[in-house]
Amino acid sequence: MRSENRDAVPALPEGLDLKLVPLPISAAIPAAKAFAIYLDRLKKDGQKTKNRVPLPDFLIGAHAKADGMRPSRPDPDRVKTYFPNVRLVTP
């Protein structure tokens, strides 16, 4: 079940022309696959992670790819690594 309760989301900054859009189901599988590759790479490098929930960068990258958006990311490395065709707006 998808929640449409936008009251649960903090207010958007005024004057930035931002809008909230729901995460499409078409982004779920690419986000999960990218996260699985990420976890495999950590494991091969001998790093351990307790995080079993996909990091926001994977959801942002997959959503941008699915909807052809250009997200803004202050630290674009992870999105660029796992979603190289997504064009980003970076500072």
PDB file of N, CA and C in Angstrom:
ATOM      1  N   MET A   1       0.834  -1.169   0.000  1.00  0.00           N
ATOM      2  CA  MET A   1       0.000   0.000   0.000  1.00  0.00           C
ATOM      3  C   MET A   1       0.886   1.243   0.000  1.00  0.00           C
ATOM      4  N   ARG A   2       0.586   2.182  -0.853  1.00  0.00           N
ATOM      5  CA  ARG A   2       1.380   3.396  -0.976  1.00  0.00           C
ATOM      6  C   ARG A   2       0.703   4.527  -0.221  1.00  0.00           C
ATOM      7  N   SER A   3       1.467   5.238   0.557  1.00  0.00           N
ATOM      8  CA  SER A   3       0.914   6.357   1.306  1.00  0.00           C
ATOM      9  C   SER A   3       1.015   7.629   0.487  1.00  0.00           C
ATOM     10  N   GLU A   4      -0.037   8.386   0.443  1.00  0.00           N
ATOM     11  CA  GLU A   4      -0.034   9.674  -0.245  1.00  0.00           C
ATOM     12  C   GLU A   4      -0.024  10.819   0.757  1.00  0.00           C
ATOM     13  N   ASN A   5       0.322  10.539   2.006  1.00  0.00           N
ATOM     14  CA  ASN A   5       0.288  11.533   3.059  1.00  0.00           C
ATOM     15  C   ASN A   5       1.529  12.408   2.992  1.00  0.00           C
ATOM     16  N   ARG A   6       1.420  13.523   2.351  1.00  0.00           N
ATOM     17  CA  ARG A   6       2.568  14.430   2.222  1.00  0.00           C
ATOM     18  C   ARG A   6       2.785  15.253   3.478  1.00  0.00           C
ATOM     19  N   ASP A   7       1.837  15.191   4.433  1.00  0.00           N
ATOM     20  CA  ASP A   7       2.024  15.896   5.697  1.00  0.00           C
ATOM     21  C   ASP A   7       3.173  15.281   6.489  1.00  0.00           C
ATOM     22  N   ALA A   8       3.520  14.045   6.178  1.00  0.00           N
ATOM     23  CA  ALA A   8       4.604  13.371   6.887  1.00  0.00           C
ATOM     24  C   ALA A   8       5.977  13.818   6.376  1.00  0.00           C
ATOM     25  N   VAL A   9       6.010  14.554   5.270  1.00  0.00           N
ATOM     26  CA  VAL A   9       7.258  15.015   4.672  1.00  0.00           C
ATOM     27  C   VAL A   9       7.515  16.450   5.128  1.00  0.00           C
ATOM     28  N   PRO A  10       8.757  16.750   5.517  1.00  0.00           N
ATOM     29  CA  PRO A  10       9.057  18.138   5.916  1.00  0.00           C
ATOM     30  C   PRO A  10       8.736  19.115   4.784  1.00  0.00           C
ATOM     31  N   ALA A  11       8.444  20.333   5.134  1.00  0.00           N
ATOM     32  CA  ALA A  11       8.122  21.364   4.139  1.00  0.00           C
ATOM     33  C   ALA A  11       9.290  21.543   3.176  1.00  0.00           C
ATOM     34  N   LEU A  12       8.954  21.744   1.917  1.00  0.00           N
ATOM     35  CA  LEU A  12       9.985  21.984   0.916  1.00  0.00           C
ATOM     36  C   LEU A  12      10.477  23.423   1.026  1.00  0.00           C
ATOM     37  N   PRO A  13      11.763  23.651   0.778  1.00  0.00           N
ATOM     38  CA  PRO A  13      12.267  25.025   0.825  1.00  0.00           C
ATOM     39  C   PRO A  13      11.537  25.909  -0.187  1.00  0.00           C
ATOM     40  N   GLU A  14      11.200  27.100   0.228  1.00  0.00           N
ATOM     41  CA  GLU A  14      10.487  28.041  -0.635  1.00  0.00           C
ATOM     42  C   GLU A  14      11.384  28.522  -1.776  1.00  0.00           C
ATOM     43  N   GLY A  15      10.804  28.744  -2.924  1.00  0.00           N
ATOM     44  CA  GLY A  15      11.501  29.361  -4.040  1.00  0.00           C
ATOM     45  C   GLY A  15      12.432  28.459  -4.824  1.00  0.00           C
ATOM     46  N   LEU A  16      12.469  27.175  -4.538  1.00  0.00           N
ATOM     47  CA  LEU A  16      13.381  26.281  -5.260  1.00  0.00           C
ATOM     48  C   LEU A  16      12.705  25.516  -6.386  1.00  0.00           C
ATOM     49  N   ASP A  17      11.408  25.688  -6.547  1.00  0.00           N
ATOM     50  CA  ASP A  17      10.657  25.013  -7.598  1.00  0.00           C
ATOM     51  C   ASP A  17      10.859  23.497  -7.549  1.00  0.00           C
ATOM     52  N   LEU A  18      10.725  22.940  -6.355  1.00  0.00           N
ATOM     53  CA  LEU A  18      10.856  21.500  -6.166  1.00  0.00           C
ATOM     54  C   LEU A  18       9.475  20.875  -6.075  1.00  0.00           C
ATOM     55  N   LYS A  19       9.376  19.631  -6.507  1.00  0.00           N
ATOM     56  CA  LYS A  19       8.122  18.914  -6.334  1.00  0.00           C
ATOM     57  C   LYS A  19       8.415  17.490  -5.909  1.00  0.00           C
ATOM     58  N   LEU A  20       7.517  16.932  -5.131  1.00  0.00           N
ATOM     59  CA  LEU A  20       7.648  15.549  -4.698  1.00  0.00           C
ATOM     60  C   LEU A  20       6.946  14.659  -5.707  1.00  0.00           C
ATOM     61  N   VAL A  21       7.623  13.600  -6.100  1.00  0.00           N
ATOM     62  CA  VAL A  21       7.022  12.636  -7.020  1.00  0.00           C
ATOM     63  C   VAL A  21       7.170  11.246  -6.418  1.00  0.00           C
ATOM     64  N   PRO A  22       6.168  10.384  -6.578  1.00  0.00           N
ATOM     65  CA  PRO A  22       6.267   9.041  -6.008  1.00  0.00           C
ATOM     66  C   PRO A  22       7.347   8.216  -6.716  1.00  0.00           C
ATOM     67  N   LEU A  23       7.976   7.338  -5.975  1.00  0.00           N
ATOM     68  CA  LEU A  23       8.981   6.445  -6.535  1.00  0.00           C
ATOM     69  C   LEU A  23       8.265   5.406  -7.394  1.00  0.00           C
ATOM     70  N   PRO A  24       8.599   5.313  -8.685  1.00  0.00           N
ATOM     71  CA  PRO A  24       7.912   4.346  -9.538  1.00  0.00           C
ATOM     72  C   PRO A  24       8.369   2.920  -9.253  1.00  0.00           C
ATOM     73  N   ILE A  25       7.482   1.988  -9.412  1.00  0.00           N
ATOM     74  CA  ILE A  25       7.818   0.577  -9.190  1.00  0.00           C
ATOM     75  C   ILE A  25       8.914   0.131 -10.163  1.00  0.00           C
ATOM     76  N   SER A  26       8.986   0.779 -11.323  1.00  0.00           N
ATOM     77  CA  SER A  26      10.019   0.419 -12.303  1.00  0.00           C
ATOM     78  C   SER A  26      11.430   0.736 -11.795  1.00  0.00           C
ATOM     79  N   ALA A  27      11.543   1.512 -10.731  1.00  0.00           N
ATOM     80  CA  ALA A  27      12.851   1.822 -10.160  1.00  0.00           C
ATOM     81  C   ALA A  27      13.271   0.812  -9.098  1.00  0.00           C
ATOM     82  N   ALA A  28      12.353   0.004  -8.623  1.00  0.00           N
ATOM     83  CA  ALA A  28      12.647  -0.910  -7.519  1.00  0.00           C
ATOM     84  C   ALA A  28      13.705  -1.951  -7.885  1.00  0.00           C
ATOM     85  N   ILE A  29      13.549  -2.605  -9.019  1.00  0.00           N
ATOM     86  CA  ILE A  29      14.492  -3.660  -9.389  1.00  0.00           C
ATOM     87  C   ILE A  29      15.874  -3.095  -9.697  1.00  0.00           C
ATOM     88  N   PRO A  30      15.999  -2.027 -10.500  1.00  0.00           N
ATOM     89  CA  PRO A  30      17.350  -1.473 -10.708  1.00  0.00           C
ATOM     90  C   PRO A  30      18.010  -1.002  -9.411  1.00  0.00           C
ATOM     91  N   ALA A  31      17.242  -0.431  -8.484  1.00  0.00           N
ATOM     92  CA  ALA A  31      17.814   0.008  -7.210  1.00  0.00           C
ATOM     93  C   ALA A  31      18.301  -1.198  -6.414  1.00  0.00           C
ATOM     94  N   ALA A  32      17.506  -2.258  -6.383  1.00  0.00           N
ATOM     95  CA  ALA A  32      17.893  -3.460  -5.643  1.00  0.00           C
ATOM     96  C   ALA A  32      19.125  -4.118  -6.258  1.00  0.00           C
ATOM     97  N   LYS A  33      19.186  -4.177  -7.580  1.00  0.00           N
ATOM     98  CA  LYS A  33      20.348  -4.781  -8.248  1.00  0.00           C
ATOM     99  C   LYS A  33      21.620  -3.979  -7.979  1.00  0.00           C
ATOM    100  N   ALA A  34      21.522  -2.655  -8.066  1.00  0.00           N
ATOM    101  CA  ALA A  34      22.688  -1.814  -7.804  1.00  0.00           C
ATOM    102  C   ALA A  34      23.148  -1.969  -6.359  1.00  0.00           C
ATOM    103  N   PHE A  35      22.202  -2.043  -5.439  1.00  0.00           N
ATOM    104  CA  PHE A  35      22.551  -2.214  -4.029  1.00  0.00           C
ATOM    105  C   PHE A  35      23.217  -3.567  -3.792  1.00  0.00           C
ATOM    106  N   ALA A  36      22.742  -4.610  -4.463  1.00  0.00           N
ATOM    107  CA  ALA A  36      23.355  -5.938  -4.333  1.00  0.00           C
ATOM    108  C   ALA A  36      24.794  -5.924  -4.839  1.00  0.00           C
ATOM    109  N   ILE A  37      25.041  -5.237  -5.947  1.00  0.00           N
ATOM    110  CA  ILE A  37      26.404  -5.119  -6.478  1.00  0.00           C
ATOM    111  C   ILE A  37      27.282  -4.368  -5.475  1.00  0.00           C
ATOM    112  N   TYR A  38      26.741  -3.306  -4.909  1.00  0.00           N
ATOM    113  CA  TYR A  38      27.452  -2.530  -3.901  1.00  0.00           C
ATOM    114  C   TYR A  38      27.845  -3.397  -2.709  1.00  0.00           C
ATOM    115  N   LEU A  39      26.901  -4.191  -2.196  1.00  0.00           N
ATOM    116  CA  LEU A  39      27.198  -5.064  -1.058  1.00  0.00           C
ATOM    117  C   LEU A  39      28.240  -6.113  -1.420  1.00  0.00           C
ATOM    118  N   ASP A  40      28.172  -6.663  -2.642  1.00  0.00           N
ATOM    119  CA  ASP A  40      29.177  -7.630  -3.091  1.00  0.00           C
ATOM    120  C   ASP A  40      30.563  -6.994  -3.134  1.00  0.00           C
ATOM    121  N   ARG A  41      30.636  -5.756  -3.617  1.00  0.00           N
ATOM    122  CA  ARG A  41      31.926  -5.070  -3.677  1.00  0.00           C
ATOM    123  C   ARG A  41      32.493  -4.836  -2.279  1.00  0.00           C
ATOM    124  N   LEU A  42      31.631  -4.453  -1.344  1.00  0.00           N
ATOM    125  CA  LEU A  42      32.097  -4.272   0.032  1.00  0.00           C
ATOM    126  C   LEU A  42      32.640  -5.583   0.586  1.00  0.00           C
ATOM    127  N   LYS A  43      31.912  -6.655   0.343  1.00  0.00           N
ATOM    128  CA  LYS A  43      32.316  -7.964   0.849  1.00  0.00           C
ATOM    129  C   LYS A  43      33.657  -8.385   0.257  1.00  0.00           C
ATOM    130  N   LYS A  44      33.836  -8.173  -1.063  1.00  0.00           N
ATOM    131  CA  LYS A  44      35.099  -8.529  -1.714  1.00  0.00           C
ATOM    132  C   LYS A  44      36.262  -7.705  -1.186  1.00  0.00           C
ATOM    133  N   ASP A  45      35.975  -6.465  -0.761  1.00  0.00           N
ATOM    134  CA  ASP A  45      37.016  -5.593  -0.203  1.00  0.00           C
ATOM    135  C   ASP A  45      37.253  -5.857   1.279  1.00  0.00           C
ATOM    136  N   GLY A  46      36.536  -6.849   1.834  1.00  0.00           N
ATOM    137  CA  GLY A  46      36.706  -7.196   3.234  1.00  0.00           C
ATOM    138  C   GLY A  46      35.989  -6.281   4.201  1.00  0.00           C
ATOM    139  N   GLN A  47      35.087  -5.469   3.687  1.00  0.00           N
ATOM    140  CA  GLN A  47      34.335  -4.563   4.553  1.00  0.00           C
ATOM    141  C   GLN A  47      33.017  -5.209   4.942  1.00  0.00           C
ATOM    142  N   LYS A  48      32.597  -4.929   6.145  1.00  0.00           N
ATOM    143  CA  LYS A  48      31.321  -5.462   6.608  1.00  0.00           C
ATOM    144  C   LYS A  48      30.313  -4.331   6.655  1.00  0.00           C
ATOM    145  N   THR A  49      29.065  -4.672   6.419  1.00  0.00           N
ATOM    146  CA  THR A  49      28.007  -3.679   6.531  1.00  0.00           C
ATOM    147  C   THR A  49      26.807  -4.298   7.218  1.00  0.00           C
ATOM    148  N   LYS A  50      26.216  -3.548   8.095  1.00  0.00           N
ATOM    149  CA  LYS A  50      24.991  -3.987   8.746  1.00  0.00           C
ATOM    150  C   LYS A  50      23.783  -3.469   7.972  1.00  0.00           C
ATOM    151  N   ASN A  51      24.035  -2.581   7.031  1.00  0.00           N
ATOM    152  CA  ASN A  51      22.958  -1.948   6.294  1.00  0.00           C
ATOM    153  C   ASN A  51      22.383  -2.914   5.259  1.00  0.00           C
ATOM    154  N   ARG A  52      21.142  -3.280   5.425  1.00  0.00           N
ATOM    155  CA  ARG A  52      20.463  -4.155   4.470  1.00  0.00           C
ATOM    156  C   ARG A  52      19.320  -3.423   3.770  1.00  0.00           C
ATOM    157  N   VAL A  53      19.244  -2.128   3.999  1.00  0.00           N
ATOM    158  CA  VAL A  53      18.238  -1.298   3.344  1.00  0.00           C
ATOM    159  C   VAL A  53      18.963  -0.480   2.286  1.00  0.00           C
ATOM    160  N   PRO A  54      18.476  -0.462   1.047  1.00  0.00           N
ATOM    161  CA  PRO A  54      19.169   0.311   0.011  1.00  0.00           C
ATOM    162  C   PRO A  54      19.380   1.766   0.424  1.00  0.00           C
ATOM    163  N   LEU A  55      20.563   2.240   0.182  1.00  0.00           N
ATOM    164  CA  LEU A  55      20.895   3.615   0.499  1.00  0.00           C
ATOM    165  C   LEU A  55      20.139   4.566  -0.429  1.00  0.00           C
ATOM    166  N   PRO A  56      19.868   5.781   0.004  1.00  0.00           N
ATOM    167  CA  PRO A  56      19.106   6.720  -0.822  1.00  0.00           C
ATOM    168  C   PRO A  56      19.681   6.921  -2.219  1.00  0.00           C
ATOM    169  N   ASP A  57      21.009   6.886  -2.360  1.00  0.00           N
ATOM    170  CA  ASP A  57      21.604   7.090  -3.680  1.00  0.00           C
ATOM    171  C   ASP A  57      21.120   6.065  -4.701  1.00  0.00           C
ATOM    172  N   PHE A  58      20.866   4.838  -4.262  1.00  0.00           N
ATOM    173  CA  PHE A  58      20.393   3.813  -5.188  1.00  0.00           C
ATOM    174  C   PHE A  58      18.955   4.087  -5.607  1.00  0.00           C
ATOM    175  N   LEU A  59      18.140   4.535  -4.683  1.00  0.00           N
ATOM    176  CA  LEU A  59      16.746   4.873  -5.008  1.00  0.00           C
ATOM    177  C   LEU A  59      16.697   6.115  -5.892  1.00  0.00           C
ATOM    178  N   ILE A  60      17.520   7.103  -5.590  1.00  0.00           N
ATOM    179  CA  ILE A  60      17.561   8.332  -6.389  1.00  0.00           C
ATOM    180  C   ILE A  60      18.049   8.026  -7.801  1.00  0.00           C
ATOM    181  N   GLY A  61      19.117   7.250  -7.913  1.00  0.00           N
ATOM    182  CA  GLY A  61      19.663   6.913  -9.236  1.00  0.00           C
ATOM    183  C   GLY A  61      18.691   6.107 -10.070  1.00  0.00           C
ATOM    184  N   ALA A  62      18.059   5.106  -9.471  1.00  0.00           N
ATOM    185  CA  ALA A  62      17.104   4.279 -10.210  1.00  0.00           C
ATOM    186  C   ALA A  62      15.870   5.081 -10.602  1.00  0.00           C
ATOM    187  N   HIS A  63      15.401   5.949  -9.724  1.00  0.00           N
ATOM    188  CA  HIS A  63      14.239   6.787 -10.030  1.00  0.00           C
ATOM    189  C   HIS A  63      14.566   7.741 -11.171  1.00  0.00           C
ATOM    190  N   ALA A  64      15.725   8.366 -11.124  1.00  0.00           N
ATOM    191  CA  ALA A  64      16.135   9.283 -12.184  1.00  0.00           C
ATOM    192  C   ALA A  64      16.239   8.563 -13.519  1.00  0.00           C
ATOM    193  N   LYS A  65      16.787   7.355 -13.494  1.00  0.00           N
ATOM    194  CA  LYS A  65      16.911   6.573 -14.724  1.00  0.00           C
ATOM    195  C   LYS A  65      15.533   6.205 -15.274  1.00  0.00           C
ATOM    196  N   ALA A  66      14.627   5.775 -14.394  1.00  0.00           N
ATOM    197  CA  ALA A  66      13.294   5.350 -14.823  1.00  0.00           C
ATOM    198  C   ALA A  66      12.481   6.505 -15.397  1.00  0.00           C
ATOM    199  N   ASP A  67      12.623   7.694 -14.816  1.00  0.00           N
ATOM    200  CA  ASP A  67      11.803   8.834 -15.233  1.00  0.00           C
ATOM    201  C   ASP A  67      12.552   9.881 -16.043  1.00  0.00           C
ATOM    202  N   GLY A  68      13.821   9.625 -16.346  1.00  0.00           N
ATOM    203  CA  GLY A  68      14.596  10.567 -17.157  1.00  0.00           C
ATOM    204  C   GLY A  68      14.832  11.905 -16.471  1.00  0.00           C
ATOM    205  N   MET A  69      14.984  11.883 -15.166  1.00  0.00           N
ATOM    206  CA  MET A  69      15.191  13.123 -14.418  1.00  0.00           C
ATOM    207  C   MET A  69      16.677  13.393 -14.211  1.00  0.00           C
ATOM    208  N   ARG A  70      16.988  14.621 -13.831  1.00  0.00           N
ATOM    209  CA  ARG A  70      18.354  15.029 -13.489  1.00  0.00           C
ATOM    210  C   ARG A  70      18.364  15.451 -12.026  1.00  0.00           C
ATOM    211  N   PRO A  71      18.639  14.516 -11.126  1.00  0.00           N
ATOM    212  CA  PRO A  71      18.631  14.882  -9.708  1.00  0.00           C
ATOM    213  C   PRO A  71      19.862  15.685  -9.319  1.00  0.00           C
ATOM    214  N   SER A  72      19.710  16.422  -8.248  1.00  0.00           N
ATOM    215  CA  SER A  72      20.821  17.169  -7.678  1.00  0.00           C
ATOM    216  C   SER A  72      21.419  16.339  -6.551  1.00  0.00           C
ATOM    217  N   ARG A  73      22.732  16.117  -6.600  1.00  0.00           N
ATOM    218  CA  ARG A  73      23.412  15.333  -5.566  1.00  0.00           C
ATOM    219  C   ARG A  73      24.679  16.064  -5.155  1.00  0.00           C
ATOM    220  N   PRO A  74      24.846  16.333  -3.864  1.00  0.00           N
ATOM    221  CA  PRO A  74      26.082  16.980  -3.419  1.00  0.00           C
ATOM    222  C   PRO A  74      27.290  16.058  -3.539  1.00  0.00           C
ATOM    223  N   ASP A  75      27.076  14.746  -3.422  1.00  0.00           N
ATOM    224  CA  ASP A  75      28.148  13.756  -3.541  1.00  0.00           C
ATOM    225  C   ASP A  75      27.701  12.740  -4.588  1.00  0.00           C
ATOM    226  N   PRO A  76      28.015  12.986  -5.848  1.00  0.00           N
ATOM    227  CA  PRO A  76      27.461  12.183  -6.941  1.00  0.00           C
ATOM    228  C   PRO A  76      28.138  10.850  -7.214  1.00  0.00           C
ATOM    229  N   ASP A  77      29.216  10.527  -6.518  1.00  0.00           N
ATOM    230  CA  ASP A  77      30.022   9.354  -6.874  1.00  0.00           C
ATOM    231  C   ASP A  77      29.235   8.047  -6.933  1.00  0.00           C
ATOM    232  N   ARG A  78      28.421   7.776  -5.921  1.00  0.00           N
ATOM    233  CA  ARG A  78      27.715   6.495  -5.895  1.00  0.00           C
ATOM    234  C   ARG A  78      26.693   6.416  -7.037  1.00  0.00           C
ATOM    235  N   VAL A  79      25.966   7.489  -7.279  1.00  0.00           N
ATOM    236  CA  VAL A  79      24.990   7.471  -8.372  1.00  0.00           C
ATOM    237  C   VAL A  79      25.711   7.285  -9.701  1.00  0.00           C
ATOM    238  N   LYS A  80      26.802   8.005  -9.913  1.00  0.00           N
ATOM    239  CA  LYS A  80      27.559   7.887 -11.169  1.00  0.00           C
ATOM    240  C   LYS A  80      28.134   6.483 -11.352  1.00  0.00           C
ATOM    241  N   THR A  81      28.555   5.852 -10.270  1.00  0.00           N
ATOM    242  CA  THR A  81      29.129   4.513 -10.352  1.00  0.00           C
ATOM    243  C   THR A  81      28.095   3.478 -10.772  1.00  0.00           C
ATOM    244  N   TYR A  82      26.916   3.531 -10.178  1.00  0.00           N
ATOM    245  CA  TYR A  82      25.912   2.489 -10.400  1.00  0.00           C
ATOM    246  C   TYR A  82      24.871   2.853 -11.454  1.00  0.00           C
ATOM    247  N   PHE A  83      24.762   4.123 -11.791  1.00  0.00           N
ATOM    248  CA  PHE A  83      23.829   4.581 -12.829  1.00  0.00           C
ATOM    249  C   PHE A  83      24.562   5.584 -13.711  1.00  0.00           C
ATOM    250  N   PRO A  84      25.549   5.111 -14.500  1.00  0.00           N
ATOM    251  CA  PRO A  84      26.414   6.024 -15.247  1.00  0.00           C
ATOM    252  C   PRO A  84      25.688   6.856 -16.307  1.00  0.00           C
ATOM    253  N   ASN A  85      24.519   6.424 -16.752  1.00  0.00           N
ATOM    254  CA  ASN A  85      23.802   7.186 -17.784  1.00  0.00           C
ATOM    255  C   ASN A  85      22.894   8.271 -17.220  1.00  0.00           C
ATOM    256  N   VAL A  86      22.789   8.362 -15.908  1.00  0.00           N
ATOM    257  CA  VAL A  86      21.966   9.394 -15.286  1.00  0.00           C
ATOM    258  C   VAL A  86      22.775  10.696 -15.233  1.00  0.00           C
ATOM    259  N   ARG A  87      22.192  11.742 -15.790  1.00  0.00           N
ATOM    260  CA  ARG A  87      22.841  13.058 -15.736  1.00  0.00           C
ATOM    261  C   ARG A  87      22.451  13.731 -14.438  1.00  0.00           C
ATOM    262  N   LEU A  88      23.438  14.231 -13.727  1.00  0.00           N
ATOM    263  CA  LEU A  88      23.212  14.836 -12.408  1.00  0.00           C
ATOM    264  C   LEU A  88      23.452  16.345 -12.461  1.00  0.00           C
ATOM    265  N   VAL A  89      22.780  17.023 -11.562  1.00  0.00           N
ATOM    266  CA  VAL A  89      23.066  18.428 -11.295  1.00  0.00           C
ATOM    267  C   VAL A  89      23.900  18.412 -10.029  1.00  0.00           C
ATOM    268  N   THR A  90      25.136  18.873 -10.124  1.00  0.00           N
ATOM    269  CA  THR A  90      26.030  18.841  -8.968  1.00  0.00           C
ATOM    270  C   THR A  90      26.504  20.252  -8.646  1.00  0.00           C
ATOM    271  N   PRO A  91      26.814  20.489  -7.372  1.00  0.00           N
ATOM    272  CA  PRO A  91      27.270  21.829  -6.976  1.00  0.00           C
ATOM    273  C   PRO A  91      28.633  22.149  -7.564  1.00  0.00           C
TER     274      PRO A  91
END
